[in-house]
Amino acid sequence: MPSSERTRTTTGAVVVTCGGRRCQALSGGSPETLRAAVRNTAGAVLIRSQGCLGPCVWAPVALVAPRQGAGGPLLAATLLGPLHRPADVGSLADWVRQGGPDTTPVPPDLRALVRHELG
């Protein structure tokens, strides 16, 4: 089927948190806040990378992406950081509950933390 005829259906946000030493050491928010948001949001997935995601200057960081259908490929991701404050992690959790980047634009309180939009 040509791509123009495909229907884009997304299912929940995928959040990848950095497992690197610097991000883990500087993590200021409650990981349980984000875990609870993902656990209670249909289709959302939380992944903690086994190593560093790379942009240590903005640590701690997270990637947030919608995916195409249940179990489908990730679509354009947004890199956020630094997520030092519990309020920032809370805002990320709220965004996940609202459907994340495919259904809701980056919330105003997270816009200053957008480092890259990866297509």
PDB file of N, CA and C in Angstrom:
ATOM      1  N   MET A   1       0.847  -1.179   0.000  1.00  0.00           N
ATOM      2  CA  MET A   1       0.000   0.000   0.000  1.00  0.00           C
ATOM      3  C   MET A   1       0.891   1.240   0.000  1.00  0.00           C
ATOM      4  N   PRO A   2       0.659   2.195  -0.861  1.00  0.00           N
ATOM      5  CA  PRO A   2       1.453   3.418  -0.868  1.00  0.00           C
ATOM      6  C   PRO A   2       1.320   4.154   0.453  1.00  0.00           C
ATOM      7  N   SER A   3       2.391   4.844   0.852  1.00  0.00           N
ATOM      8  CA  SER A   3       2.373   5.529   2.142  1.00  0.00           C
ATOM      9  C   SER A   3       1.265   6.558   2.236  1.00  0.00           C
ATOM     10  N   SER A   4       0.861   7.153   1.121  1.00  0.00           N
ATOM     11  CA  SER A   4      -0.207   8.146   1.150  1.00  0.00           C
ATOM     12  C   SER A   4      -1.550   7.526   1.513  1.00  0.00           C
ATOM     13  N   GLU A   5      -1.680   6.197   1.357  1.00  0.00           N
ATOM     14  CA  GLU A   5      -2.937   5.533   1.673  1.00  0.00           C
ATOM     15  C   GLU A   5      -2.940   4.919   3.066  1.00  0.00           C
ATOM     16  N   ARG A   6      -1.790   4.894   3.738  1.00  0.00           N
ATOM     17  CA  ARG A   6      -1.722   4.313   5.073  1.00  0.00           C
ATOM     18  C   ARG A   6      -2.368   5.243   6.075  1.00  0.00           C
ATOM     19  N   THR A   7      -3.023   4.656   7.031  1.00  0.00           N
ATOM     20  CA  THR A   7      -3.609   5.431   8.115  1.00  0.00           C
ATOM     21  C   THR A   7      -2.637   5.436   9.278  1.00  0.00           C
ATOM     22  N   ARG A   8      -2.300   6.579   9.750  1.00  0.00           N
ATOM     23  CA  ARG A   8      -1.372   6.702  10.870  1.00  0.00           C
ATOM     24  C   ARG A   8      -2.161   6.590  12.163  1.00  0.00           C
ATOM     25  N   THR A   9      -1.941   5.516  12.873  1.00  0.00           N
ATOM     26  CA  THR A   9      -2.602   5.299  14.148  1.00  0.00           C
ATOM     27  C   THR A   9      -1.531   5.145  15.205  1.00  0.00           C
ATOM     28  N   THR A  10      -1.569   5.970  16.228  1.00  0.00           N
ATOM     29  CA  THR A  10      -0.568   5.869  17.282  1.00  0.00           C
ATOM     30  C   THR A  10      -1.207   5.336  18.544  1.00  0.00           C
ATOM     31  N   THR A  11      -0.366   4.754  19.375  1.00  0.00           N
ATOM     32  CA  THR A  11      -0.844   4.141  20.605  1.00  0.00           C
ATOM     33  C   THR A  11       0.115   4.463  21.737  1.00  0.00           C
ATOM     34  N   GLY A  12      -0.209   5.433  22.558  1.00  0.00           N
ATOM     35  CA  GLY A  12       0.592   5.752  23.736  1.00  0.00           C
ATOM     36  C   GLY A  12       1.975   6.276  23.424  1.00  0.00           C
ATOM     37  N   ALA A  13       2.540   6.964  24.397  1.00  0.00           N
ATOM     38  CA  ALA A  13       3.888   7.507  24.269  1.00  0.00           C
ATOM     39  C   ALA A  13       4.909   6.481  24.724  1.00  0.00           C
ATOM     40  N   VAL A  14       6.076   6.520  24.097  1.00  0.00           N
ATOM     41  CA  VAL A  14       7.219   5.733  24.551  1.00  0.00           C
ATOM     42  C   VAL A  14       8.192   6.730  25.169  1.00  0.00           C
ATOM     43  N   VAL A  15       8.586   6.476  26.404  1.00  0.00           N
ATOM     44  CA  VAL A  15       9.529   7.336  27.118  1.00  0.00           C
ATOM     45  C   VAL A  15      10.784   6.525  27.385  1.00  0.00           C
ATOM     46  N   VAL A  16      11.924   7.036  26.943  1.00  0.00           N
ATOM     47  CA  VAL A  16      13.207   6.380  27.179  1.00  0.00           C
ATOM     48  C   VAL A  16      14.004   7.282  28.107  1.00  0.00           C
ATOM     49  N   THR A  17      14.291   6.799  29.312  1.00  0.00           N
ATOM     50  CA  THR A  17      15.116   7.564  30.239  1.00  0.00           C
ATOM     51  C   THR A  17      16.555   7.070  30.134  1.00  0.00           C
ATOM     52  N   CYS A  18      17.476   7.956  30.360  1.00  0.00           N
ATOM     53  CA  CYS A  18      18.887   7.637  30.233  1.00  0.00           C
ATOM     54  C   CYS A  18      19.369   6.857  31.451  1.00  0.00           C
ATOM     55  N   GLY A  19      20.095   5.771  31.186  1.00  0.00           N
ATOM     56  CA  GLY A  19      20.659   4.952  32.247  1.00  0.00           C
ATOM     57  C   GLY A  19      22.116   5.259  32.524  1.00  0.00           C
ATOM     58  N   GLY A  20      22.630   6.312  31.898  1.00  0.00           N
ATOM     59  CA  GLY A  20      24.029   6.689  32.108  1.00  0.00           C
ATOM     60  C   GLY A  20      24.281   7.181  33.521  1.00  0.00           C
ATOM     61  N   ARG A  21      25.540   7.116  33.946  1.00  0.00           N
ATOM     62  CA  ARG A  21      25.888   7.492  35.328  1.00  0.00           C
ATOM     63  C   ARG A  21      25.550   8.938  35.659  1.00  0.00           C
ATOM     64  N   ARG A  22      25.832   9.846  34.737  1.00  0.00           N
ATOM     65  CA  ARG A  22      25.567  11.262  35.019  1.00  0.00           C
ATOM     66  C   ARG A  22      24.067  11.515  35.168  1.00  0.00           C
ATOM     67  N   CYS A  23      23.266  10.963  34.265  1.00  0.00           N
ATOM     68  CA  CYS A  23      21.812  11.152  34.354  1.00  0.00           C
ATOM     69  C   CYS A  23      21.260  10.542  35.643  1.00  0.00           C
ATOM     70  N   GLN A  24      21.752   9.366  36.002  1.00  0.00           N
ATOM     71  CA  GLN A  24      21.270   8.722  37.226  1.00  0.00           C
ATOM     72  C   GLN A  24      21.665   9.531  38.456  1.00  0.00           C
ATOM     73  N   ALA A  25      22.869  10.081  38.471  1.00  0.00           N
ATOM     74  CA  ALA A  25      23.346  10.860  39.614  1.00  0.00           C
ATOM     75  C   ALA A  25      22.596  12.182  39.766  1.00  0.00           C
ATOM     76  N   LEU A  26      22.211  12.778  38.641  1.00  0.00           N
ATOM     77  CA  LEU A  26      21.576  14.098  38.675  1.00  0.00           C
ATOM     78  C   LEU A  26      20.056  14.042  38.673  1.00  0.00           C
ATOM     79  N   SER A  27      19.496  12.865  38.555  1.00  0.00           N
ATOM     80  CA  SER A  27      18.048  12.734  38.469  1.00  0.00           C
ATOM     81  C   SER A  27      17.389  13.343  39.699  1.00  0.00           C
ATOM     82  N   GLY A  28      16.582  14.386  39.460  1.00  0.00           N
ATOM     83  CA  GLY A  28      15.982  15.105  40.570  1.00  0.00           C
ATOM     84  C   GLY A  28      14.521  14.787  40.809  1.00  0.00           C
ATOM     85  N   GLY A  29      13.875  14.189  39.839  1.00  0.00           N
ATOM     86  CA  GLY A  29      12.459  13.902  39.994  1.00  0.00           C
ATOM     87  C   GLY A  29      12.240  12.500  40.524  1.00  0.00           C
ATOM     88  N   SER A  30      11.053  12.260  40.971  1.00  0.00           N
ATOM     89  CA  SER A  30      10.710  10.931  41.465  1.00  0.00           C
ATOM     90  C   SER A  30      10.456  10.001  40.287  1.00  0.00           C
ATOM     91  N   PRO A  31      11.273   8.937  40.150  1.00  0.00           N
ATOM     92  CA  PRO A  31      11.015   8.010  39.045  1.00  0.00           C
ATOM     93  C   PRO A  31       9.649   7.344  39.175  1.00  0.00           C
ATOM     94  N   GLU A  32       9.140   7.243  40.391  1.00  0.00           N
ATOM     95  CA  GLU A  32       7.839   6.605  40.585  1.00  0.00           C
ATOM     96  C   GLU A  32       6.718   7.431  39.960  1.00  0.00           C
ATOM     97  N   THR A  33       6.861   8.751  39.934  1.00  0.00           N
ATOM     98  CA  THR A  33       5.860   9.613  39.306  1.00  0.00           C
ATOM     99  C   THR A  33       5.707   9.258  37.821  1.00  0.00           C
ATOM    100  N   LEU A  34       6.828   9.123  37.147  1.00  0.00           N
ATOM    101  CA  LEU A  34       6.804   8.783  35.725  1.00  0.00           C
ATOM    102  C   LEU A  34       6.343   7.342  35.527  1.00  0.00           C
ATOM    103  N   ARG A  35       6.828   6.421  36.353  1.00  0.00           N
ATOM    104  CA  ARG A  35       6.403   5.016  36.245  1.00  0.00           C
ATOM    105  C   ARG A  35       4.894   4.889  36.405  1.00  0.00           C
ATOM    106  N   ALA A  36       4.330   5.584  37.379  1.00  0.00           N
ATOM    107  CA  ALA A  36       2.888   5.513  37.624  1.00  0.00           C
ATOM    108  C   ALA A  36       2.104   6.061  36.433  1.00  0.00           C
ATOM    109  N   ALA A  37       2.583   7.170  35.854  1.00  0.00           N
ATOM    110  CA  ALA A  37       1.890   7.755  34.699  1.00  0.00           C
ATOM    111  C   ALA A  37       1.883   6.778  33.534  1.00  0.00           C
ATOM    112  N   VAL A  38       3.019   6.138  33.282  1.00  0.00           N
ATOM    113  CA  VAL A  38       3.105   5.186  32.175  1.00  0.00           C
ATOM    114  C   VAL A  38       2.249   3.959  32.461  1.00  0.00           C
ATOM    115  N   ARG A  39       2.351   3.450  33.678  1.00  0.00           N
ATOM    116  CA  ARG A  39       1.593   2.256  34.067  1.00  0.00           C
ATOM    117  C   ARG A  39       0.088   2.478  33.920  1.00  0.00           C
ATOM    118  N   ASN A  40      -0.380   3.693  34.176  1.00  0.00           N
ATOM    119  CA  ASN A  40      -1.809   3.982  34.157  1.00  0.00           C
ATOM    120  C   ASN A  40      -2.301   4.622  32.861  1.00  0.00           C
ATOM    121  N   THR A  41      -1.461   4.628  31.835  1.00  0.00           N
ATOM    122  CA  THR A  41      -1.834   5.204  30.541  1.00  0.00           C
ATOM    123  C   THR A  41      -1.805   4.107  29.487  1.00  0.00           C
ATOM    124  N   ALA A  42      -2.946   3.858  28.880  1.00  0.00           N
ATOM    125  CA  ALA A  42      -3.055   2.795  27.882  1.00  0.00           C
ATOM    126  C   ALA A  42      -2.035   2.985  26.768  1.00  0.00           C
ATOM    127  N   GLY A  43      -1.268   1.944  26.499  1.00  0.00           N
ATOM    128  CA  GLY A  43      -0.317   1.939  25.406  1.00  0.00           C
ATOM    129  C   GLY A  43       1.019   2.601  25.680  1.00  0.00           C
ATOM    130  N   ALA A  44       1.157   3.292  26.805  1.00  0.00           N
ATOM    131  CA  ALA A  44       2.422   3.964  27.113  1.00  0.00           C
ATOM    132  C   ALA A  44       3.472   2.939  27.530  1.00  0.00           C
ATOM    133  N   VAL A  45       4.732   3.244  27.216  1.00  0.00           N
ATOM    134  CA  VAL A  45       5.851   2.354  27.526  1.00  0.00           C
ATOM    135  C   VAL A  45       6.977   3.176  28.125  1.00  0.00           C
ATOM    136  N   LEU A  46       7.595   2.654  29.179  1.00  0.00           N
ATOM    137  CA  LEU A  46       8.758   3.291  29.800  1.00  0.00           C
ATOM    138  C   LEU A  46       9.952   2.367  29.635  1.00  0.00           C
ATOM    139  N   ILE A  47      11.036   2.905  29.092  1.00  0.00           N
ATOM    140  CA  ILE A  47      12.263   2.145  28.887  1.00  0.00           C
ATOM    141  C   ILE A  47      13.400   2.914  29.552  1.00  0.00           C
ATOM    142  N   ARG A  48      14.194   2.216  30.339  1.00  0.00           N
ATOM    143  CA  ARG A  48      15.413   2.832  30.875  1.00  0.00           C
ATOM    144  C   ARG A  48      16.571   2.255  30.084  1.00  0.00           C
ATOM    145  N   SER A  49      17.301   3.118  29.405  1.00  0.00           N
ATOM    146  CA  SER A  49      18.415   2.635  28.590  1.00  0.00           C
ATOM    147  C   SER A  49      19.459   1.984  29.486  1.00  0.00           C
ATOM    148  N   GLN A  50      20.162   1.026  28.956  1.00  0.00           N
ATOM    149  CA  GLN A  50      21.200   0.342  29.713  1.00  0.00           C
ATOM    150  C   GLN A  50      22.469   1.182  29.807  1.00  0.00           C
ATOM    151  N   GLY A  51      22.584   2.173  28.960  1.00  0.00           N
ATOM    152  CA  GLY A  51      23.767   3.025  28.965  1.00  0.00           C
ATOM    153  C   GLY A  51      23.378   4.460  28.691  1.00  0.00           C
ATOM    154  N   CYS A  52      24.376   5.241  28.427  1.00  0.00           N
ATOM    155  CA  CYS A  52      24.208   6.674  28.205  1.00  0.00           C
ATOM    156  C   CYS A  52      23.554   6.948  26.846  1.00  0.00           C
ATOM    157  N   LEU A  53      22.615   7.894  26.828  1.00  0.00           N
ATOM    158  CA  LEU A  53      21.994   8.318  25.567  1.00  0.00           C
ATOM    159  C   LEU A  53      22.859   9.344  24.837  1.00  0.00           C
ATOM    160  N   GLY A  54      23.861   9.907  25.519  1.00  0.00           N
ATOM    161  CA  GLY A  54      24.821  10.769  24.839  1.00  0.00           C
ATOM    162  C   GLY A  54      24.880  12.231  25.242  1.00  0.00           C
ATOM    163  N   PRO A  55      23.768  12.931  25.364  1.00  0.00           N
ATOM    164  CA  PRO A  55      23.854  14.373  25.615  1.00  0.00           C
ATOM    165  C   PRO A  55      24.022  14.706  27.109  1.00  0.00           C
ATOM    166  N   CYS A  56      25.179  14.336  27.668  1.00  0.00           N
ATOM    167  CA  CYS A  56      25.408  14.498  29.109  1.00  0.00           C
ATOM    168  C   CYS A  56      25.338  15.953  29.575  1.00  0.00           C
ATOM    169  N   VAL A  57      25.594  16.884  28.678  1.00  0.00           N
ATOM    170  CA  VAL A  57      25.549  18.294  29.049  1.00  0.00           C
ATOM    171  C   VAL A  57      24.137  18.695  29.499  1.00  0.00           C
ATOM    172  N   TRP A  58      23.108  17.970  29.077  1.00  0.00           N
ATOM    173  CA  TRP A  58      21.728  18.276  29.451  1.00  0.00           C
ATOM    174  C   TRP A  58      21.164  17.274  30.452  1.00  0.00           C
ATOM    175  N   ALA A  59      22.025  16.514  31.096  1.00  0.00           N
ATOM    176  CA  ALA A  59      21.575  15.453  32.008  1.00  0.00           C
ATOM    177  C   ALA A  59      20.787  16.019  33.180  1.00  0.00           C
ATOM    178  N   PRO A  60      19.794  15.253  33.614  1.00  0.00           N
ATOM    179  CA  PRO A  60      19.251  14.013  33.093  1.00  0.00           C
ATOM    180  C   PRO A  60      18.279  14.258  31.933  1.00  0.00           C
ATOM    181  N   VAL A  61      18.303  13.349  30.970  1.00  0.00           N
ATOM    182  CA  VAL A  61      17.501  13.492  29.759  1.00  0.00           C
ATOM    183  C   VAL A  61      16.532  12.335  29.580  1.00  0.00           C
ATOM    184  N   ALA A  62      15.540  12.589  28.735  1.00  0.00           N
ATOM    185  CA  ALA A  62      14.588  11.550  28.337  1.00  0.00           C
ATOM    186  C   ALA A  62      14.167  11.814  26.898  1.00  0.00           C
ATOM    187  N   LEU A  63      13.934  10.750  26.166  1.00  0.00           N
ATOM    188  CA  LEU A  63      13.362  10.822  24.824  1.00  0.00           C
ATOM    189  C   LEU A  63      11.889  10.463  24.932  1.00  0.00           C
ATOM    190  N   VAL A  64      11.044  11.184  24.233  1.00  0.00           N
ATOM    191  CA  VAL A  64       9.610  10.897  24.233  1.00  0.00           C
ATOM    192  C   VAL A  64       9.170  10.789  22.776  1.00  0.00           C
ATOM    193  N   ALA A  65       8.493   9.696  22.441  1.00  0.00           N
ATOM    194  CA  ALA A  65       8.077   9.486  21.051  1.00  0.00           C
ATOM    195  C   ALA A  65       6.742   8.759  21.002  1.00  0.00           C
ATOM    196  N   PRO A  66       5.911   9.103  20.019  1.00  0.00           N
ATOM    197  CA  PRO A  66       4.734   8.283  19.761  1.00  0.00           C
ATOM    198  C   PRO A  66       5.173   7.081  18.925  1.00  0.00           C
ATOM    199  N   ARG A  67       4.324   6.088  18.825  1.00  0.00           N
ATOM    200  CA  ARG A  67       4.637   4.959  17.942  1.00  0.00           C
ATOM    201  C   ARG A  67       3.468   4.698  17.026  1.00  0.00           C
ATOM    202  N   GLN A  68       3.756   4.087  15.932  1.00  0.00           N
ATOM    203  CA  GLN A  68       2.728   3.815  14.942  1.00  0.00           C
ATOM    204  C   GLN A  68       2.058   2.497  15.276  1.00  0.00           C
ATOM    205  N   GLY A  69       0.852   2.577  15.824  1.00  0.00           N
ATOM    206  CA  GLY A  69       0.108   1.378  16.195  1.00  0.00           C
ATOM    207  C   GLY A  69       0.736   0.651  17.371  1.00  0.00           C
ATOM    208  N   ALA A  70      -0.001  -0.283  17.922  1.00  0.00           N
ATOM    209  CA  ALA A  70       0.497  -1.079  19.047  1.00  0.00           C
ATOM    210  C   ALA A  70       1.692  -1.895  18.590  1.00  0.00           C
ATOM    211  N   GLY A  71       2.818  -1.684  19.201  1.00  0.00           N
ATOM    212  CA  GLY A  71       4.019  -2.417  18.856  1.00  0.00           C
ATOM    213  C   GLY A  71       4.703  -1.950  17.587  1.00  0.00           C
ATOM    214  N   GLY A  72       4.211  -0.871  17.005  1.00  0.00           N
ATOM    215  CA  GLY A  72       4.789  -0.367  15.760  1.00  0.00           C
ATOM    216  C   GLY A  72       6.047   0.436  15.992  1.00  0.00           C
ATOM    217  N   PRO A  73       6.638   0.932  14.904  1.00  0.00           N
ATOM    218  CA  PRO A  73       7.883   1.693  15.018  1.00  0.00           C
ATOM    219  C   PRO A  73       7.655   3.046  15.691  1.00  0.00           C
ATOM    220  N   LEU A  74       8.728   3.551  16.290  1.00  0.00           N
ATOM    221  CA  LEU A  74       8.670   4.883  16.886  1.00  0.00           C
ATOM    222  C   LEU A  74       8.624   5.926  15.783  1.00  0.00           C
ATOM    223  N   LEU A  75       7.900   6.987  16.047  1.00  0.00           N
ATOM    224  CA  LEU A  75       7.839   8.122  15.138  1.00  0.00           C
ATOM    225  C   LEU A  75       8.774   9.204  15.691  1.00  0.00           C
ATOM    226  N   ALA A  76       8.694  10.405  15.217  1.00  0.00           N
ATOM    227  CA  ALA A  76       9.605  11.478  15.620  1.00  0.00           C
ATOM    228  C   ALA A  76       9.684  11.616  17.140  1.00  0.00           C
ATOM    229  N   ALA A  77      10.908  11.621  17.661  1.00  0.00           N
ATOM    230  CA  ALA A  77      11.131  11.705  19.106  1.00  0.00           C
ATOM    231  C   ALA A  77      11.530  13.115  19.511  1.00  0.00           C
ATOM    232  N   THR A  78      11.240  13.456  20.748  1.00  0.00           N
ATOM    233  CA  THR A  78      11.641  14.729  21.334  1.00  0.00           C
ATOM    234  C   THR A  78      12.585  14.436  22.488  1.00  0.00           C
ATOM    235  N   LEU A  79      13.756  15.081  22.486  1.00  0.00           N
ATOM    236  CA  LEU A  79      14.725  14.940  23.571  1.00  0.00           C
ATOM    237  C   LEU A  79      14.515  16.075  24.551  1.00  0.00           C
ATOM    238  N   LEU A  80      14.294  15.724  25.807  1.00  0.00           N
ATOM    239  CA  LEU A  80      14.072  16.713  26.868  1.00  0.00           C
ATOM    240  C   LEU A  80      15.199  16.646  27.889  1.00  0.00           C
ATOM    241  N   GLY A  81      15.620  17.789  28.376  1.00  0.00           N
ATOM    242  CA  GLY A  81      16.602  17.805  29.442  1.00  0.00           C
ATOM    243  C   GLY A  81      17.084  19.230  29.701  1.00  0.00           C
ATOM    244  N   PRO A  82      17.608  19.499  30.839  1.00  0.00           N
ATOM    245  CA  PRO A  82      17.729  18.613  31.980  1.00  0.00           C
ATOM    246  C   PRO A  82      16.417  18.527  32.773  1.00  0.00           C
ATOM    247  N   LEU A  83      16.098  17.330  33.207  1.00  0.00           N
ATOM    248  CA  LEU A  83      14.896  17.071  34.006  1.00  0.00           C
ATOM    249  C   LEU A  83      15.300  16.963  35.480  1.00  0.00           C
ATOM    250  N   HIS A  84      15.828  18.062  36.034  1.00  0.00           N
ATOM    251  CA  HIS A  84      16.334  18.089  37.404  1.00  0.00           C
ATOM    252  C   HIS A  84      15.226  18.156  38.450  1.00  0.00           C
ATOM    253  N   ARG A  85      14.258  18.983  38.174  1.00  0.00           N
ATOM    254  CA  ARG A  85      13.258  19.289  39.205  1.00  0.00           C
ATOM    255  C   ARG A  85      12.108  18.291  39.200  1.00  0.00           C
ATOM    256  N   PRO A  86      11.601  17.959  40.379  1.00  0.00           N
ATOM    257  CA  PRO A  86      10.414  17.092  40.442  1.00  0.00           C
ATOM    258  C   PRO A  86       9.253  17.648  39.616  1.00  0.00           C
ATOM    259  N   ALA A  87       9.137  18.976  39.540  1.00  0.00           N
ATOM    260  CA  ALA A  87       8.057  19.586  38.746  1.00  0.00           C
ATOM    261  C   ALA A  87       8.214  19.261  37.266  1.00  0.00           C
ATOM    262  N   ASP A  88       9.457  19.169  36.776  1.00  0.00           N
ATOM    263  CA  ASP A  88       9.690  18.826  35.368  1.00  0.00           C
ATOM    264  C   ASP A  88       9.271  17.386  35.091  1.00  0.00           C
ATOM    265  N   VAL A  89       9.633  16.486  35.996  1.00  0.00           N
ATOM    266  CA  VAL A  89       9.241  15.079  35.845  1.00  0.00           C
ATOM    267  C   VAL A  89       7.718  14.961  35.945  1.00  0.00           C
ATOM    268  N   GLY A  90       7.113  15.743  36.833  1.00  0.00           N
ATOM    269  CA  GLY A  90       5.651  15.755  36.955  1.00  0.00           C
ATOM    270  C   GLY A  90       4.987  16.236  35.676  1.00  0.00           C
ATOM    271  N   SER A  91       5.567  17.255  35.047  1.00  0.00           N
ATOM    272  CA  SER A  91       5.022  17.755  33.775  1.00  0.00           C
ATOM    273  C   SER A  91       5.158  16.712  32.678  1.00  0.00           C
ATOM    274  N   LEU A  92       6.292  15.996  32.661  1.00  0.00           N
ATOM    275  CA  LEU A  92       6.466  14.922  31.688  1.00  0.00           C
ATOM    276  C   LEU A  92       5.432  13.823  31.932  1.00  0.00           C
ATOM    277  N   ALA A  93       5.203  13.481  33.187  1.00  0.00           N
ATOM    278  CA  ALA A  93       4.201  12.460  33.524  1.00  0.00           C
ATOM    279  C   ALA A  93       2.809  12.905  33.072  1.00  0.00           C
ATOM    280  N   ASP A  94       2.485  14.174  33.295  1.00  0.00           N
ATOM    281  CA  ASP A  94       1.184  14.695  32.855  1.00  0.00           C
ATOM    282  C   ASP A  94       1.045  14.615  31.336  1.00  0.00           C
ATOM    283  N   TRP A  95       2.121  14.939  30.624  1.00  0.00           N
ATOM    284  CA  TRP A  95       2.108  14.891  29.164  1.00  0.00           C
ATOM    285  C   TRP A  95       1.862  13.465  28.683  1.00  0.00           C
ATOM    286  N   VAL A  96       2.507  12.501  29.330  1.00  0.00           N
ATOM    287  CA  VAL A  96       2.294  11.090  28.980  1.00  0.00           C
ATOM    288  C   VAL A  96       0.826  10.716  29.191  1.00  0.00           C
ATOM    289  N   ARG A  97       0.245  11.134  30.312  1.00  0.00           N
ATOM    290  CA  ARG A  97      -1.169  10.833  30.602  1.00  0.00           C
ATOM    291  C   ARG A  97      -2.100  11.424  29.558  1.00  0.00           C
ATOM    292  N   GLN A  98      -1.703  12.570  28.986  1.00  0.00           N
ATOM    293  CA  GLN A  98      -2.529  13.236  27.969  1.00  0.00           C
ATOM    294  C   GLN A  98      -2.326  12.646  26.577  1.00  0.00           C
ATOM    295  N   GLY A  99      -1.449  11.653  26.447  1.00  0.00           N
ATOM    296  CA  GLY A  99      -1.226  11.017  25.159  1.00  0.00           C
ATOM    297  C   GLY A  99       0.131  11.296  24.558  1.00  0.00           C
ATOM    298  N   GLY A 100       0.880  12.205  25.150  1.00  0.00           N
ATOM    299  CA  GLY A 100       2.229  12.469  24.673  1.00  0.00           C
ATOM    300  C   GLY A 100       2.283  13.247  23.381  1.00  0.00           C
ATOM    301  N   PRO A 101       3.409  13.140  22.679  1.00  0.00           N
ATOM    302  CA  PRO A 101       3.693  14.029  21.555  1.00  0.00           C
ATOM    303  C   PRO A 101       2.799  13.884  20.335  1.00  0.00           C
ATOM    304  N   ASP A 102       2.093  12.786  20.189  1.00  0.00           N
ATOM    305  CA  ASP A 102       1.253  12.671  19.002  1.00  0.00           C
ATOM    306  C   ASP A 102      -0.099  13.346  19.179  1.00  0.00           C
ATOM    307  N   THR A 103      -0.597  13.397  20.401  1.00  0.00           N
ATOM    308  CA  THR A 103      -1.922  13.962  20.621  1.00  0.00           C
ATOM    309  C   THR A 103      -1.888  15.360  21.231  1.00  0.00           C
ATOM    310  N   THR A 104      -0.773  15.702  21.857  1.00  0.00           N
ATOM    311  CA  THR A 104      -0.677  16.972  22.573  1.00  0.00           C
ATOM    312  C   THR A 104       0.682  17.603  22.306  1.00  0.00           C
ATOM    313  N   PRO A 105       0.747  18.886  21.969  1.00  0.00           N
ATOM    314  CA  PRO A 105       2.053  19.530  21.786  1.00  0.00           C
ATOM    315  C   PRO A 105       2.831  19.552  23.099  1.00  0.00           C
ATOM    316  N   VAL A 106       4.115  19.821  23.015  1.00  0.00           N
ATOM    317  CA  VAL A 106       4.937  19.918  24.219  1.00  0.00           C
ATOM    318  C   VAL A 106       4.310  20.957  25.141  1.00  0.00           C
ATOM    319  N   PRO A 107       4.050  20.593  26.395  1.00  0.00           N
ATOM    320  CA  PRO A 107       3.437  21.545  27.320  1.00  0.00           C
ATOM    321  C   PRO A 107       4.340  22.767  27.539  1.00  0.00           C
ATOM    322  N   PRO A 108       3.747  23.916  27.801  1.00  0.00           N
ATOM    323  CA  PRO A 108       4.531  25.145  27.983  1.00  0.00           C
ATOM    324  C   PRO A 108       5.649  25.009  29.021  1.00  0.00           C
ATOM    325  N   ASP A 109       5.397  24.300  30.117  1.00  0.00           N
ATOM    326  CA  ASP A 109       6.419  24.196  31.155  1.00  0.00           C
ATOM    327  C   ASP A 109       7.565  23.259  30.787  1.00  0.00           C
ATOM    328  N   LEU A 110       7.461  22.531  29.668  1.00  0.00           N
ATOM    329  CA  LEU A 110       8.562  21.683  29.187  1.00  0.00           C
ATOM    330  C   LEU A 110       9.258  22.256  27.954  1.00  0.00           C
ATOM    331  N   ARG A 111       8.679  23.286  27.340  1.00  0.00           N
ATOM    332  CA  ARG A 111       9.234  23.812  26.081  1.00  0.00           C
ATOM    333  C   ARG A 111      10.690  24.255  26.199  1.00  0.00           C
ATOM    334  N   ALA A 112      11.051  24.850  27.325  1.00  0.00           N
ATOM    335  CA  ALA A 112      12.435  25.299  27.513  1.00  0.00           C
ATOM    336  C   ALA A 112      13.401  24.123  27.640  1.00  0.00           C
ATOM    337  N   LEU A 113      12.880  22.924  27.860  1.00  0.00           N
ATOM    338  CA  LEU A 113      13.723  21.739  28.032  1.00  0.00           C
ATOM    339  C   LEU A 113      13.855  20.913  26.750  1.00  0.00           C
ATOM    340  N   VAL A 114      13.184  21.335  25.669  1.00  0.00           N
ATOM    341  CA  VAL A 114      13.301  20.617  24.401  1.00  0.00           C
ATOM    342  C   VAL A 114      14.675  20.902  23.823  1.00  0.00           C
ATOM    343  N   ARG A 115      15.460  19.847  23.619  1.00  0.00           N
ATOM    344  CA  ARG A 115      16.824  19.980  23.084  1.00  0.00           C
ATOM    345  C   ARG A 115      16.888  19.605  21.608  1.00  0.00           C
ATOM    346  N   HIS A 116      16.153  18.615  21.225  1.00  0.00           N
ATOM    347  CA  HIS A 116      16.126  18.199  19.812  1.00  0.00           C
ATOM    348  C   HIS A 116      14.788  17.573  19.528  1.00  0.00           C
ATOM    349  N   GLU A 117      14.352  17.740  18.294  1.00  0.00           N
ATOM    350  CA  GLU A 117      13.210  16.985  17.798  1.00  0.00           C
ATOM    351  C   GLU A 117      13.774  16.111  16.704  1.00  0.00           C
ATOM    352  N   LEU A 118      13.766  14.821  16.951  1.00  0.00           N
ATOM    353  CA  LEU A 118      14.408  13.861  16.055  1.00  0.00           C
ATOM    354  C   LEU A 118      13.365  13.217  15.154  1.00  0.00           C
ATOM    355  N   GLY A 119      13.537  13.350  13.869  1.00  0.00           N
ATOM    356  CA  GLY A 119      12.582  12.815  12.919  1.00  0.00           C
ATOM    357  C   GLY A 119      13.035  11.540  12.407  1.00  0.00           C
TER     358      GLY A 119
END
